């Protein structure tokens, strides 16, 4: 069993007891709403990572599918901005410039000044320039 430093907040906590020594769930066990939020965030993270991975492999359509699944399950999720940035990049790679532009407008309205915009801004500008006026 790994050792923890004595001044660690989990020092002396063993499976079957809480930090105060009261019998209960093992350390790290999920509790109520906090556990549910953590589980939802983990599911969100897995979907966003799947989209990132697909995009990195050049599978923009698959990345867009993962983003759509995330949007369906977590429309107001904590990783919604990341999802939308990935979706915009996927749309651009698929040559769907108008859809990417529309989604960018919604992105800018929801997350003005987001640093994530930098992940697709140059590609969008090039695509818009190449496609001509809307």
C-alpha atoms as a PDB file:
ATOM      1  CA  UNK A   1       0.000   0.000   0.000  1.00  0.00           C
ATOM      2  CA  UNK A   2       1.461   3.402  -0.964  1.00  0.00           C
ATOM      3  CA  UNK A   3       2.459   5.664   1.887  1.00  0.00           C
ATOM      4  CA  UNK A   4       1.215   9.233   2.230  1.00  0.00           C
ATOM      5  CA  UNK A   5       3.093  12.002   4.016  1.00  0.00           C
ATOM      6  CA  UNK A   6       1.872  12.682   7.569  1.00  0.00           C
ATOM      7  CA  UNK A   7       0.818  16.233   6.701  1.00  0.00           C
ATOM      8  CA  UNK A   8      -1.258  15.049   3.725  1.00  0.00           C
ATOM      9  CA  UNK A   9      -5.035  15.590   4.008  1.00  0.00           C
ATOM     10  CA  UNK A  10      -5.472  11.838   3.495  1.00  0.00           C
ATOM     11  CA  UNK A  11      -2.784  10.715   5.951  1.00  0.00           C
ATOM     12  CA  UNK A  12      -4.109   8.025   8.234  1.00  0.00           C
ATOM     13  CA  UNK A  13      -7.265   7.429   6.205  1.00  0.00           C
ATOM     14  CA  UNK A  14      -7.785   3.793   5.394  1.00  0.00           C
ATOM     15  CA  UNK A  15     -10.404   1.982   3.371  1.00  0.00           C
ATOM     16  CA  UNK A  16     -13.624   1.768   5.336  1.00  0.00           C
ATOM     17  CA  UNK A  17     -13.140   5.000   7.300  1.00  0.00           C
ATOM     18  CA  UNK A  18     -13.636   8.674   6.548  1.00  0.00           C
ATOM     19  CA  UNK A  19     -11.007  11.338   7.158  1.00  0.00           C
ATOM     20  CA  UNK A  20     -12.437  11.785  10.664  1.00  0.00           C
ATOM     21  CA  UNK A  21     -12.050   8.067  11.387  1.00  0.00           C
ATOM     22  CA  UNK A  22     -15.775   7.342  11.211  1.00  0.00           C
ATOM     23  CA  UNK A  23     -16.648   4.108   9.397  1.00  0.00           C
ATOM     24  CA  UNK A  24     -17.904   4.850   5.892  1.00  0.00           C
ATOM     25  CA  UNK A  25     -16.960   4.583   2.271  1.00  0.00           C
ATOM     26  CA  UNK A  26     -13.338   4.278   1.201  1.00  0.00           C
ATOM     27  CA  UNK A  27     -11.444   7.488   0.459  1.00  0.00           C
ATOM     28  CA  UNK A  28     -12.225   8.815  -2.994  1.00  0.00           C
ATOM     29  CA  UNK A  29     -15.664   7.206  -3.136  1.00  0.00           C
ATOM     30  CA  UNK A  30     -18.247   9.308  -4.935  1.00  0.00           C
ATOM     31  CA  UNK A  31     -20.781  11.070  -2.723  1.00  0.00           C
ATOM     32  CA  UNK A  32     -24.210  12.244  -3.898  1.00  0.00           C
ATOM     33  CA  UNK A  33     -24.346  15.185  -6.272  1.00  0.00           C
ATOM     34  CA  UNK A  34     -20.564  15.667  -6.248  1.00  0.00           C
ATOM     35  CA  UNK A  35     -20.036  12.114  -7.454  1.00  0.00           C
ATOM     36  CA  UNK A  36     -22.672  12.518 -10.152  1.00  0.00           C
ATOM     37  CA  UNK A  37     -21.064  15.785 -11.345  1.00  0.00           C
ATOM     38  CA  UNK A  38     -17.650  14.142 -11.429  1.00  0.00           C
ATOM     39  CA  UNK A  39     -19.062  11.188 -13.365  1.00  0.00           C
ATOM     40  CA  UNK A  40     -20.770  13.497 -15.855  1.00  0.00           C
ATOM     41  CA  UNK A  41     -17.593  15.522 -16.300  1.00  0.00           C
ATOM     42  CA  UNK A  42     -15.653  12.322 -16.935  1.00  0.00           C
ATOM     43  CA  UNK A  43     -18.173  11.281 -19.594  1.00  0.00           C
ATOM     44  CA  UNK A  44     -17.951  14.750 -21.135  1.00  0.00           C
ATOM     45  CA  UNK A  45     -14.168  14.546 -21.140  1.00  0.00           C
ATOM     46  CA  UNK A  46     -14.200  11.154 -22.844  1.00  0.00           C
ATOM     47  CA  UNK A  47     -16.473  12.423 -25.634  1.00  0.00           C
ATOM     48  CA  UNK A  48     -14.339  15.537 -26.190  1.00  0.00           C
ATOM     49  CA  UNK A  49     -11.168  13.443 -26.194  1.00  0.00           C
ATOM     50  CA  UNK A  50     -12.728  11.062 -28.719  1.00  0.00           C
ATOM     51  CA  UNK A  51     -13.511  14.042 -30.969  1.00  0.00           C
ATOM     52  CA  UNK A  52      -9.969  15.405 -30.545  1.00  0.00           C
ATOM     53  CA  UNK A  53      -8.472  12.038 -31.362  1.00  0.00           C
ATOM     54  CA  UNK A  54     -10.635  11.579 -34.455  1.00  0.00           C
ATOM     55  CA  UNK A  55      -9.711  15.048 -35.693  1.00  0.00           C
ATOM     56  CA  UNK A  56      -6.015  14.322 -35.126  1.00  0.00           C
ATOM     57  CA  UNK A  57      -6.381  11.135 -37.210  1.00  0.00           C
ATOM     58  CA  UNK A  58      -7.951  13.126 -40.032  1.00  0.00           C
ATOM     59  CA  UNK A  59     -11.436  11.745 -39.370  1.00  0.00           C
ATOM     60  CA  UNK A  60     -13.352  15.012 -39.296  1.00  0.00           C
ATOM     61  CA  UNK A  61     -16.761  13.385 -39.828  1.00  0.00           C
ATOM     62  CA  UNK A  62     -16.200  11.115 -36.826  1.00  0.00           C
ATOM     63  CA  UNK A  63     -15.042  14.085 -34.754  1.00  0.00           C
ATOM     64  CA  UNK A  64     -18.237  15.900 -35.687  1.00  0.00           C
ATOM     65  CA  UNK A  65     -20.297  12.850 -34.662  1.00  0.00           C
ATOM     66  CA  UNK A  66     -18.605  12.807 -31.231  1.00  0.00           C
ATOM     67  CA  UNK A  67     -19.255  16.538 -30.870  1.00  0.00           C
ATOM     68  CA  UNK A  68     -22.922  16.007 -31.767  1.00  0.00           C
ATOM     69  CA  UNK A  69     -23.189  13.216 -29.205  1.00  0.00           C
ATOM     70  CA  UNK A  70     -21.667  15.502 -26.582  1.00  0.00           C
ATOM     71  CA  UNK A  71     -24.073  18.307 -27.526  1.00  0.00           C
ATOM     72  CA  UNK A  72     -27.028  15.943 -27.205  1.00  0.00           C
ATOM     73  CA  UNK A  73     -25.959  14.596 -23.804  1.00  0.00           C
ATOM     74  CA  UNK A  74     -24.479  17.816 -22.397  1.00  0.00           C
ATOM     75  CA  UNK A  75     -25.959  20.872 -24.165  1.00  0.00           C
ATOM     76  CA  UNK A  76     -24.835  23.133 -21.298  1.00  0.00           C
ATOM     77  CA  UNK A  77     -21.882  20.973 -20.288  1.00  0.00           C
ATOM     78  CA  UNK A  78     -18.712  22.233 -18.690  1.00  0.00           C
ATOM     79  CA  UNK A  79     -16.756  21.316 -21.823  1.00  0.00           C
ATOM     80  CA  UNK A  80     -19.247  22.820 -24.274  1.00  0.00           C
ATOM     81  CA  UNK A  81     -16.823  25.491 -25.507  1.00  0.00           C
ATOM     82  CA  UNK A  82     -14.169  22.855 -26.213  1.00  0.00           C
ATOM     83  CA  UNK A  83     -16.783  20.761 -28.038  1.00  0.00           C
ATOM     84  CA  UNK A  84     -17.859  23.693 -30.199  1.00  0.00           C
ATOM     85  CA  UNK A  85     -14.280  24.629 -31.082  1.00  0.00           C
ATOM     86  CA  UNK A  86     -13.653  21.029 -32.163  1.00  0.00           C
ATOM     87  CA  UNK A  87     -16.882  20.952 -34.164  1.00  0.00           C
ATOM     88  CA  UNK A  88     -15.914  24.153 -35.988  1.00  0.00           C
ATOM     89  CA  UNK A  89     -12.498  22.735 -36.844  1.00  0.00           C
ATOM     90  CA  UNK A  90     -14.135  19.513 -38.081  1.00  0.00           C
ATOM     91  CA  UNK A  91     -16.599  21.463 -40.235  1.00  0.00           C
ATOM     92  CA  UNK A  92     -13.739  23.425 -41.765  1.00  0.00           C
ATOM     93  CA  UNK A  93     -11.835  20.244 -42.588  1.00  0.00           C
ATOM     94  CA  UNK A  94     -14.972  18.872 -44.238  1.00  0.00           C
ATOM     95  CA  UNK A  95     -15.210  22.036 -46.348  1.00  0.00           C
ATOM     96  CA  UNK A  96     -18.485  23.070 -44.729  1.00  0.00           C
ATOM     97  CA  UNK A  97     -17.447  26.712 -44.480  1.00  0.00           C
ATOM     98  CA  UNK A  98     -20.924  28.223 -44.121  1.00  0.00           C
ATOM     99  CA  UNK A  99     -21.818  25.840 -41.283  1.00  0.00           C
ATOM    100  CA  UNK A 100     -18.481  26.629 -39.603  1.00  0.00           C
ATOM    101  CA  UNK A 101     -19.134  30.372 -39.944  1.00  0.00           C
ATOM    102  CA  UNK A 102     -22.617  30.038 -38.431  1.00  0.00           C
ATOM    103  CA  UNK A 103     -21.327  27.935 -35.573  1.00  0.00           C
ATOM    104  CA  UNK A 104     -18.532  30.463 -34.987  1.00  0.00           C
ATOM    105  CA  UNK A 105     -21.104  33.250 -34.677  1.00  0.00           C
ATOM    106  CA  UNK A 106     -22.930  31.223 -32.009  1.00  0.00           C
ATOM    107  CA  UNK A 107     -19.581  30.447 -30.323  1.00  0.00           C
ATOM    108  CA  UNK A 108     -18.651  34.138 -30.204  1.00  0.00           C
ATOM    109  CA  UNK A 109     -22.055  35.065 -28.769  1.00  0.00           C
ATOM    110  CA  UNK A 110     -21.835  32.419 -26.039  1.00  0.00           C
ATOM    111  CA  UNK A 111     -18.130  32.711 -25.191  1.00  0.00           C
ATOM    112  CA  UNK A 112     -16.952  36.190 -26.209  1.00  0.00           C
ATOM    113  CA  UNK A 113     -13.202  36.545 -25.962  1.00  0.00           C
ATOM    114  CA  UNK A 114     -12.626  32.795 -25.493  1.00  0.00           C
ATOM    115  CA  UNK A 115      -9.034  31.701 -25.962  1.00  0.00           C
ATOM    116  CA  UNK A 116     -10.364  28.605 -27.729  1.00  0.00           C
ATOM    117  CA  UNK A 117     -11.264  30.784 -30.713  1.00  0.00           C
ATOM    118  CA  UNK A 118      -7.579  30.781 -31.584  1.00  0.00           C
ATOM    119  CA  UNK A 119      -7.762  27.064 -32.326  1.00  0.00           C
ATOM    120  CA  UNK A 120      -9.876  27.703 -35.426  1.00  0.00           C
ATOM    121  CA  UNK A 121      -9.779  31.447 -36.217  1.00  0.00           C
ATOM    122  CA  UNK A 122      -6.995  31.367 -38.814  1.00  0.00           C
ATOM    123  CA  UNK A 123      -8.455  28.340 -40.582  1.00  0.00           C
ATOM    124  CA  UNK A 124     -11.865  29.982 -40.675  1.00  0.00           C
ATOM    125  CA  UNK A 125     -10.443  33.238 -42.039  1.00  0.00           C
ATOM    126  CA  UNK A 126      -8.596  31.353 -44.814  1.00  0.00           C
ATOM    127  CA  UNK A 127     -11.673  29.308 -45.673  1.00  0.00           C
ATOM    128  CA  UNK A 128     -13.881  32.391 -45.803  1.00  0.00           C
ATOM    129  CA  UNK A 129     -11.332  34.166 -47.986  1.00  0.00           C
ATOM    130  CA  UNK A 130     -11.139  31.207 -50.355  1.00  0.00           C
ATOM    131  CA  UNK A 131     -14.915  30.808 -50.583  1.00  0.00           C
ATOM    132  CA  UNK A 132     -15.663  34.447 -51.337  1.00  0.00           C
ATOM    133  CA  UNK A 133     -18.542  36.523 -49.953  1.00  0.00           C
ATOM    134  CA  UNK A 134     -21.382  34.687 -48.195  1.00  0.00           C
END
